[in-house]
Amino acid sequence: MRSDIQTNERAFSSKEVAEEVGIATPTVRKYGQILERNGYEFLKDGDRRIFVQSDIGALIALRDTDKPLDDTAKGLVNQQQERLEESNKTEIAIPDTYENLPQDPNQLKEILMFLVNELAATREMNVQLTNDMSDLKITVSRLKQDHHVISSSIGNSTQKTHAKIEKLTEQQNTNYETLLQLEKQKSELLQKEIQNMRDEQKKEWSSQNDFNKRLEEAIQKPKEKRGGLFSIFRK
């Protein structure tokens, strides 16, 4: 029997551990195999593992770790070995105190009562520390989940923002192309109007030149023929 297990400490089945830790029963067996492979000791009923509170803490640590499972398991095995060594030292130290115990029954009773109270207080503190550690690990796990949700939300928001920017840029480019085409059409129409005005102006100049030539020819003719001068203005 493991020396770090307290008298009357509650034992859990694989199913109870799965509910306690929040994982599937096959995962409990998988974590148990990983721990044993690295030197962890479980209580056994035949081939069936029996879990205590410290074992549940080890499974929670495997559940929440970001490291490779075997690396985390090795660290948990070291912690268990340290607990076992401390328990063995305590068991060795207690018999040594028997030689120094007082012979007075009343004093012996007081010492025993003191030890009982200290042991009870120590067990209560260990239970509280274990519960606090479990709560802390649960809180850390929830924080990791919240962080994952927040990171996912930020990532989705960033993707949506990029999509909107790309859409606006595309619309801007389309509007620019449209305006450029309109300006090009306006420029072509303006050039045509200018060309038409030039053509009209040329016609006017040509007509004026013809008129001036006829007028000059009429002026240079003899006087008897100047009567035709007025016919020029009738044309």
Protein backbone atom coordinates (compact mmCIF):
# COMPACT_ATOMS: atom_id res chain seq x y z
CA MET A 1 0.00 0.00 0.00
CA ARG A 2 1.27 3.48 -0.84
CA SER A 3 2.54 5.31 2.24
CA ASP A 4 1.17 8.69 1.10
CA ILE A 5 -2.48 7.57 1.39
CA GLN A 6 -4.30 8.59 4.55
CA THR A 7 -6.50 6.27 6.58
CA ASN A 8 -10.14 6.34 5.45
CA GLU A 9 -9.20 8.42 2.40
CA ARG A 10 -11.92 8.23 -0.23
CA ALA A 11 -11.28 6.02 -3.28
CA PHE A 12 -12.72 6.70 -6.74
CA SER A 13 -13.53 4.41 -9.64
CA SER A 14 -12.56 5.23 -13.22
CA LYS A 15 -16.12 6.33 -13.95
CA GLU A 16 -16.22 8.62 -10.92
CA VAL A 17 -12.84 10.09 -11.85
CA ALA A 18 -14.05 10.73 -15.40
CA GLU A 19 -17.02 12.69 -14.04
CA GLU A 20 -14.83 14.51 -11.51
CA VAL A 21 -12.16 15.54 -14.04
CA GLY A 22 -14.52 16.11 -16.96
CA ILE A 23 -13.00 13.61 -19.39
CA ALA A 24 -14.12 10.33 -20.93
CA THR A 25 -13.54 7.03 -19.12
CA PRO A 26 -11.20 5.75 -21.91
CA THR A 27 -9.16 8.92 -21.44
CA VAL A 28 -8.84 8.11 -17.71
CA ARG A 29 -7.42 4.70 -18.64
CA LYS A 30 -5.11 6.30 -21.22
CA TYR A 31 -3.75 8.83 -18.68
CA GLY A 32 -3.33 6.01 -16.13
CA GLN A 33 -1.28 4.00 -18.60
CA ILE A 34 0.92 7.02 -19.41
CA LEU A 35 1.54 7.65 -15.70
CA GLU A 36 2.36 4.01 -14.96
CA ARG A 37 4.64 3.84 -17.98
CA ASN A 38 6.69 6.63 -16.43
CA GLY A 39 6.81 5.04 -12.95
CA TYR A 40 3.65 6.30 -11.22
CA GLU A 41 2.12 4.01 -8.59
CA PHE A 42 -1.64 3.38 -8.31
CA LEU A 43 -3.61 1.36 -5.82
CA LYS A 44 -4.80 -1.80 -7.57
CA ASP A 45 -7.71 -4.18 -7.11
CA GLY A 46 -6.45 -6.90 -9.39
CA ASP A 47 -5.91 -5.15 -12.72
CA ARG A 48 -8.35 -2.37 -11.85
CA ARG A 49 -6.91 0.97 -10.75
CA ILE A 50 -8.28 2.67 -7.64
CA PHE A 51 -7.86 6.43 -7.59
CA VAL A 52 -7.42 8.79 -4.61
CA GLN A 53 -7.49 12.58 -4.52
CA SER A 54 -3.79 12.98 -5.38
CA ASP A 55 -4.31 10.75 -8.43
CA ILE A 56 -7.17 12.95 -9.57
CA GLY A 57 -4.84 15.95 -9.31
CA ALA A 58 -2.35 14.13 -11.54
CA LEU A 59 -5.04 13.41 -14.16
CA ILE A 60 -6.13 17.07 -14.13
CA ALA A 61 -2.51 18.10 -14.67
CA LEU A 62 -2.33 15.81 -17.72
CA ARG A 63 -5.63 17.17 -19.00
CA ASP A 64 -4.52 20.82 -18.78
CA THR A 65 -0.87 20.52 -19.82
CA ASP A 66 0.50 22.18 -22.96
CA LYS A 67 3.59 19.94 -22.88
CA PRO A 68 3.95 16.38 -24.20
CA LEU A 69 2.02 14.01 -21.92
CA ASP A 70 5.07 11.88 -21.12
CA ASP A 71 7.05 14.96 -20.00
CA THR A 72 4.24 16.03 -17.69
CA ALA A 73 3.87 12.46 -16.40
CA LYS A 74 7.56 12.35 -15.47
CA GLY A 75 7.15 15.52 -13.43
CA LEU A 76 4.12 14.04 -11.65
CA VAL A 77 6.07 10.85 -10.89
CA ASN A 78 8.83 12.94 -9.31
CA GLN A 79 6.24 14.71 -7.16
CA GLN A 80 4.77 11.38 -6.05
CA GLN A 81 8.21 10.03 -5.17
CA GLU A 82 8.89 13.11 -3.06
CA ARG A 83 5.60 12.57 -1.22
CA LEU A 84 6.45 8.91 -0.64
CA GLU A 85 9.88 9.81 0.71
CA GLU A 86 8.36 12.35 3.10
CA SER A 87 5.80 9.78 4.26
CA ASN A 88 8.55 7.20 4.85
CA LYS A 89 10.60 9.69 6.86
CA THR A 90 7.57 10.44 9.01
CA GLU A 91 6.92 6.73 9.61
CA ILE A 92 10.56 6.22 10.61
CA ALA A 93 10.61 9.23 12.92
CA ILE A 94 7.49 8.25 14.86
CA PRO A 95 8.88 4.99 16.36
CA ASP A 96 12.00 6.87 17.47
CA THR A 97 9.86 9.08 19.66
CA TYR A 98 8.59 6.13 21.68
CA GLU A 99 11.82 6.00 23.68
CA ASN A 100 11.34 9.62 24.78
CA LEU A 101 7.67 9.34 25.71
CA PRO A 102 6.88 10.26 29.35
CA GLN A 103 5.83 7.49 31.72
CA ASP A 104 3.06 9.58 33.28
CA PRO A 105 -0.28 8.42 31.76
CA ASN A 106 -1.74 11.95 31.96
CA GLN A 107 1.20 13.46 30.12
CA LEU A 108 1.08 10.66 27.60
CA LYS A 109 -2.62 11.29 27.08
CA GLU A 110 -1.98 14.99 26.51
CA ILE A 111 0.72 14.21 23.98
CA LEU A 112 -1.52 11.76 22.17
CA MET A 113 -4.37 14.29 22.09
CA PHE A 114 -2.00 16.91 20.77
CA LEU A 115 -0.78 14.56 18.04
CA VAL A 116 -4.33 13.58 17.13
CA ASN A 117 -5.36 17.23 16.83
CA GLU A 118 -2.25 18.06 14.80
CA LEU A 119 -2.87 15.09 12.52
CA ALA A 120 -6.50 16.08 12.02
CA ALA A 121 -5.49 19.67 11.30
CA THR A 122 -2.83 18.49 8.85
CA ARG A 123 -5.30 16.24 7.04
CA GLU A 124 -7.84 19.06 6.86
CA MET A 125 -5.17 21.39 5.50
CA ASN A 126 -4.12 18.78 2.92
CA VAL A 127 -7.72 18.34 1.81
CA GLN A 128 -8.17 22.09 1.57
CA LEU A 129 -4.93 22.49 -0.38
CA THR A 130 -5.95 19.69 -2.73
CA ASN A 131 -9.36 21.27 -3.27
CA ASP A 132 -7.77 24.68 -3.81
CA MET A 133 -5.34 23.17 -6.30
CA SER A 134 -8.18 21.47 -8.16
CA ASP A 135 -10.17 24.73 -8.23
CA LEU A 136 -7.09 26.60 -9.43
CA LYS A 137 -6.49 24.11 -12.23
CA ILE A 138 -10.15 24.30 -13.24
CA THR A 139 -9.90 28.10 -13.28
CA VAL A 140 -6.74 27.95 -15.38
CA SER A 141 -8.45 25.55 -17.78
CA ARG A 142 -11.42 27.90 -18.11
CA LEU A 143 -9.09 30.85 -18.65
CA LYS A 144 -7.35 28.92 -21.42
CA GLN A 145 -10.72 28.21 -23.02
CA ASP A 146 -11.73 31.87 -22.69
CA HIS A 147 -8.41 32.88 -24.21
CA HIS A 148 -9.03 30.50 -27.10
CA VAL A 149 -12.53 31.94 -27.63
CA ILE A 150 -11.21 35.52 -27.50
CA SER A 151 -8.37 34.69 -29.90
CA SER A 152 -10.83 33.04 -32.28
CA SER A 153 -13.15 36.07 -32.08
CA ILE A 154 -10.27 38.45 -32.77
CA GLY A 155 -9.16 36.30 -35.68
CA ASN A 156 -12.68 36.22 -37.15
CA SER A 157 -13.06 39.99 -36.65
CA THR A 158 -9.71 40.58 -38.37
CA GLN A 159 -10.73 38.40 -41.31
CA LYS A 160 -14.04 40.25 -41.62
CA THR A 161 -12.25 43.60 -41.48
CA HIS A 162 -9.81 42.51 -44.18
CA ALA A 163 -12.72 41.30 -46.31
CA LYS A 164 -14.49 44.65 -45.91
CA ILE A 165 -11.31 46.55 -46.79
CA GLU A 166 -10.81 44.39 -49.89
CA LYS A 167 -14.44 44.93 -50.90
CA LEU A 168 -14.17 48.71 -50.41
CA THR A 169 -10.91 48.77 -52.36
CA GLU A 170 -12.52 46.83 -55.18
CA GLN A 171 -15.51 49.19 -55.21
CA GLN A 172 -13.17 52.18 -55.22
CA ASN A 173 -11.23 50.75 -58.15
CA THR A 174 -14.48 50.07 -60.01
CA ASN A 175 -15.73 53.63 -59.36
CA TYR A 176 -12.38 55.02 -60.48
CA GLU A 177 -12.52 53.03 -63.72
CA THR A 178 -16.09 54.22 -64.30
CA LEU A 179 -15.19 57.87 -63.71
CA LEU A 180 -12.13 57.51 -65.92
CA GLN A 181 -14.28 56.09 -68.72
CA LEU A 182 -16.80 58.93 -68.33
CA GLU A 183 -14.03 61.51 -68.44
CA LYS A 184 -12.64 59.85 -71.54
CA GLN A 185 -16.06 59.99 -73.24
CA LYS A 186 -16.48 63.63 -72.24
CA SER A 187 -13.03 64.40 -73.64
CA GLU A 188 -13.88 62.69 -76.93
CA LEU A 189 -17.18 64.61 -77.20
CA LEU A 190 -15.40 67.86 -76.43
CA GLN A 191 -12.79 67.15 -79.08
CA LYS A 192 -15.56 66.43 -81.61
CA GLU A 193 -17.32 69.69 -80.74
CA ILE A 194 -14.06 71.61 -81.09
CA GLN A 195 -13.43 69.95 -84.46
CA ASN A 196 -16.98 70.83 -85.60
CA MET A 197 -16.43 74.43 -84.54
CA ARG A 198 -13.17 74.50 -86.46
CA ASP A 199 -14.90 73.07 -89.52
CA GLU A 200 -17.66 75.69 -89.25
CA GLN A 201 -15.06 78.39 -88.81
CA LYS A 202 -13.22 77.18 -91.90
CA LYS A 203 -16.47 77.28 -93.85
CA GLU A 204 -17.09 80.82 -92.67
CA TRP A 205 -13.58 81.88 -93.62
CA SER A 206 -13.93 80.22 -97.03
CA SER A 207 -17.27 81.93 -97.62
CA GLN A 208 -15.81 85.25 -96.51
CA ASN A 209 -12.81 84.82 -98.83
CA ASP A 210 -15.11 84.07 -101.74
CA PHE A 211 -17.15 87.17 -100.94
CA ASN A 212 -14.05 89.34 -100.67
CA LYS A 213 -12.74 88.07 -104.03
CA ARG A 214 -16.04 88.81 -105.78
CA LEU A 215 -16.14 92.23 -104.17
CA GLU A 216 -12.59 92.98 -105.26
CA GLU A 217 -13.32 91.81 -108.82
CA ALA A 218 -16.46 93.93 -108.97
CA ILE A 219 -14.57 97.04 -107.78
CA GLN A 220 -11.85 96.59 -110.40
CA LYS A 221 -14.39 96.41 -113.33
CA PRO A 222 -15.29 99.53 -115.43
CA LYS A 223 -17.89 101.91 -114.04
CA GLU A 224 -20.52 100.86 -116.52
CA LYS A 225 -20.30 97.45 -115.22
CA ARG A 226 -20.32 98.42 -111.54
CA GLY A 227 -24.01 97.97 -111.49
CA GLY A 228 -23.22 94.39 -110.97
CA LEU A 229 -21.58 95.33 -107.66
CA PHE A 230 -24.91 95.43 -105.98
CA SER A 231 -25.75 92.03 -107.35
CA ILE A 232 -22.92 90.64 -105.25
CA PHE A 233 -24.79 91.47 -102.05
CA ARG A 234 -27.88 89.83 -103.42
CA LYS A 235 -26.12 86.51 -103.72
